[in-house]
N, C-alpha and C. Protein backbone atom coordinates (compact mmCIF):
# COMPACT_ATOMS: atom_id res chain seq x y z
N UNK A 1 0.79 -1.07 -0.37
CA UNK A 1 0.21 0.24 -0.15
C UNK A 1 1.03 1.36 0.03
N UNK A 2 0.65 2.48 -1.01
CA UNK A 2 1.02 3.23 -0.73
C UNK A 2 1.30 4.80 1.28
N UNK A 3 2.07 5.47 0.85
CA UNK A 3 1.73 5.99 1.98
C UNK A 3 0.49 6.82 1.83
N UNK A 4 -0.38 6.97 3.30
CA UNK A 4 -1.08 8.44 2.58
C UNK A 4 -0.88 9.78 3.04
N UNK A 5 -1.35 10.40 2.18
CA UNK A 5 -0.93 12.07 2.68
C UNK A 5 -1.91 12.61 3.84
N UNK A 6 -1.28 13.68 4.27
CA UNK A 6 -1.95 14.37 5.01
C UNK A 6 -2.57 15.97 4.17
N UNK A 7 -3.56 15.96 4.16
CA UNK A 7 -4.22 17.41 3.15
C UNK A 7 -3.53 18.38 4.21
N UNK A 8 -3.11 18.90 3.25
CA UNK A 8 -2.26 20.71 3.96
C UNK A 8 -3.00 21.11 4.37
N UNK A 9 -4.43 21.74 4.69
CA UNK A 9 -4.96 22.62 4.63
C UNK A 9 -4.72 22.16 6.47
N UNK A 10 -4.79 20.23 7.03
CA UNK A 10 -5.63 20.06 7.72
C UNK A 10 -3.81 20.56 9.06
N UNK A 11 -3.46 20.68 8.48
CA UNK A 11 -1.68 20.44 9.22
C UNK A 11 -2.11 22.08 9.48
N UNK A 12 -2.67 23.12 9.12
CA UNK A 12 -2.49 24.30 9.43
C UNK A 12 -3.51 24.90 10.23
N UNK A 13 -4.95 24.02 10.06
CA UNK A 13 -5.72 24.17 11.08
C UNK A 13 -6.19 23.77 12.10
N UNK A 14 -5.56 22.60 12.35
CA UNK A 14 -5.77 21.76 13.84
C UNK A 14 -4.85 20.85 14.61
N UNK A 15 -4.37 20.61 15.66
CA UNK A 15 -3.71 19.84 16.46
C UNK A 15 -4.34 19.18 16.97
N UNK A 16 -3.66 17.91 17.37
CA UNK A 16 -4.61 16.85 18.47
C UNK A 16 -4.01 17.29 19.96
N UNK A 17 -4.68 16.65 20.61
CA UNK A 17 -4.36 16.64 22.03
C UNK A 17 -3.66 15.55 22.21
N UNK A 18 -3.43 15.37 23.68
CA UNK A 18 -2.74 14.32 24.03
C UNK A 18 -4.02 13.00 24.69
N UNK A 19 -4.79 13.30 25.05
CA UNK A 19 -5.91 12.87 24.58
C UNK A 19 -6.96 12.15 23.29
N UNK A 20 -6.19 12.87 22.28
CA UNK A 20 -7.17 12.17 21.02
C UNK A 20 -7.89 13.56 20.96
N UNK A 21 -8.69 14.16 21.62
CA UNK A 21 -9.35 15.35 21.39
C UNK A 21 -8.32 16.40 19.58
N UNK A 22 -9.21 16.76 19.20
CA UNK A 22 -8.71 18.19 17.89
C UNK A 22 -8.78 18.74 18.68
N UNK A 23 -7.84 19.92 18.51
CA UNK A 23 -8.35 21.36 19.08
C UNK A 23 -8.49 21.92 17.74
N UNK A 24 -9.11 23.83 17.69
CA UNK A 24 -9.46 24.12 16.25
C UNK A 24 -9.37 25.60 16.74
N UNK A 25 -8.96 26.78 15.75
CA UNK A 25 -8.84 28.16 16.40
C UNK A 25 -10.55 28.62 15.39
N UNK A 26 -10.67 30.15 16.19
CA UNK A 26 -11.87 30.10 16.11
C UNK A 26 -12.51 31.21 14.77
N UNK A 27 -13.19 30.70 14.10
CA UNK A 27 -13.28 31.24 12.98
C UNK A 27 -13.99 33.06 13.01
N UNK A 28 -13.62 33.62 12.27
CA UNK A 28 -14.25 34.97 12.23
C UNK A 28 -13.07 36.20 12.57
N UNK A 29 -11.78 35.71 13.18
CA UNK A 29 -10.82 36.58 14.08
C UNK A 29 -9.53 37.19 12.92
N UNK A 30 -9.51 37.24 12.11
CA UNK A 30 -8.67 37.70 10.85
C UNK A 30 -8.60 38.82 10.73
N UNK A 31 -9.86 39.81 10.40
CA UNK A 31 -9.55 41.31 9.27
C UNK A 31 -11.03 41.66 9.81
N UNK A 32 -11.45 42.49 9.15
CA UNK A 32 -13.07 43.72 9.84
C UNK A 32 -13.47 43.32 11.73
N UNK A 33 -12.25 43.06 12.45
CA UNK A 33 -12.51 43.78 14.44
C UNK A 33 -13.50 44.10 14.13
N UNK A 34 -13.58 45.54 13.26
CA UNK A 34 -13.92 47.25 14.47
C UNK A 34 -15.67 46.60 14.24
N UNK A 35 -15.90 45.92 13.40
CA UNK A 35 -17.62 45.62 13.14
C UNK A 35 -18.32 44.60 13.98
N UNK A 36 -17.17 44.02 14.55
CA UNK A 36 -17.37 43.19 15.63
C UNK A 36 -17.69 43.47 16.91
N UNK A 37 -18.55 42.97 17.50
CA UNK A 37 -17.93 43.97 19.27
C UNK A 37 -17.49 43.17 20.17
N UNK A 38 -16.60 44.01 21.00
CA UNK A 38 -16.45 43.38 22.19
C UNK A 38 -16.20 42.16 22.64
N UNK A 39 -17.43 42.09 22.67
CA UNK A 39 -17.81 40.48 23.48
C UNK A 39 -17.60 39.36 22.72
N UNK A 40 -17.67 40.24 21.31
CA UNK A 40 -17.83 38.94 20.35
C UNK A 40 -16.23 38.45 20.57
N UNK A 41 -15.81 39.42 20.05
CA UNK A 41 -13.67 38.87 19.98
C UNK A 41 -13.11 38.56 21.38
N UNK A 42 -14.07 38.88 22.56
CA UNK A 42 -13.32 38.38 23.65
C UNK A 42 -13.85 36.69 23.85
N UNK A 43 -14.85 36.93 23.81
CA UNK A 43 -16.09 35.07 23.72
C UNK A 43 -14.51 34.16 22.23
N UNK A 44 -14.35 34.41 21.79
CA UNK A 44 -13.22 34.07 20.66
C UNK A 44 -11.87 33.64 20.44
N UNK A 45 -11.00 34.30 21.99
CA UNK A 45 -10.37 34.42 21.99
C UNK A 45 -9.45 32.85 21.90
N UNK A 46 -8.31 32.39 21.23
CA UNK A 46 -7.72 30.86 21.90
C UNK A 46 -7.90 29.97 20.84
N UNK A 47 -8.33 28.72 21.26
CA UNK A 47 -9.19 28.37 21.36
C UNK A 47 -10.37 27.05 21.26
N UNK A 48 -10.50 26.78 21.23
CA UNK A 48 -11.49 25.44 21.57
C UNK A 48 -11.29 24.01 20.46
N UNK A 49 -11.70 23.40 21.54
CA UNK A 49 -12.14 21.66 21.31
C UNK A 49 -13.46 21.28 19.42
N UNK A 50 -12.74 20.77 18.47
CA UNK A 50 -13.82 20.33 17.73
C UNK A 50 -14.35 18.75 17.92
N UNK A 51 -16.02 19.07 17.86
CA UNK A 51 -17.13 18.69 17.97
C UNK A 51 -16.92 17.41 17.93
N UNK A 52 -17.61 15.85 18.72
CA UNK A 52 -17.21 14.40 18.18
C UNK A 52 -17.54 14.08 16.61
N UNK A 53 -18.64 15.02 16.21
CA UNK A 53 -19.02 14.17 15.13
C UNK A 53 -18.21 14.93 13.83
N UNK A 54 -17.66 16.38 13.80
CA UNK A 54 -16.52 16.81 13.05
C UNK A 54 -14.69 16.08 13.32
N UNK A 55 -14.88 15.42 14.10
CA UNK A 55 -13.74 14.46 14.38
C UNK A 55 -13.05 13.77 13.58
N UNK A 56 -14.02 13.04 13.03
CA UNK A 56 -13.58 11.62 12.06
C UNK A 56 -13.46 12.76 10.90
N UNK A 57 -13.86 13.06 10.76
CA UNK A 57 -13.12 13.71 9.53
C UNK A 57 -11.69 14.16 9.22
N UNK A 58 -11.21 14.93 9.91
CA UNK A 58 -10.50 15.40 10.63
C UNK A 58 -9.17 13.98 10.29
N UNK A 59 -9.92 13.06 11.01
CA UNK A 59 -8.76 12.11 11.19
C UNK A 59 -8.86 11.38 9.90
N UNK A 60 -9.29 11.48 8.97
CA UNK A 60 -9.64 10.84 7.60
C UNK A 60 -8.54 11.73 6.75
N UNK A 61 -8.07 12.86 7.15
CA UNK A 61 -7.68 13.97 6.69
C UNK A 61 -6.17 13.59 7.04
N UNK A 62 -6.04 13.26 8.56
CA UNK A 62 -4.34 13.30 9.03
C UNK A 62 -4.45 11.70 9.13
N UNK A 63 -4.09 11.04 8.31
CA UNK A 63 -4.02 9.49 8.52
C UNK A 63 -3.14 8.95 9.65
N UNK A 64 -1.82 9.84 9.99
CA UNK A 64 -0.91 9.31 10.63
C UNK A 64 -0.92 10.20 11.91
N UNK A 65 -1.92 10.92 12.25
CA UNK A 65 -1.94 11.86 13.54
C UNK A 65 -0.64 12.86 12.80
N UNK A 66 -0.75 14.32 13.64
CA UNK A 66 -0.34 15.56 13.46
C UNK A 66 0.86 15.49 14.47
N UNK A 67 1.54 16.45 14.03
CA UNK A 67 2.86 16.90 15.94
C UNK A 67 2.21 18.00 16.25
């Protein structure tokens, strides 16, 4: 069997925790932040854990895990 490649977009967007959960950055924090209120910007700070329904897709795109 040939080696499977990891999707390049997954390398940039996700990280696996030690327990196997998937962390991701929050969308909507790149530009046009003046039009968002302070509560929106504050609550979307940092990273969050991906839902279980979406984790299965990310695992298919990263067959050998991520560093």
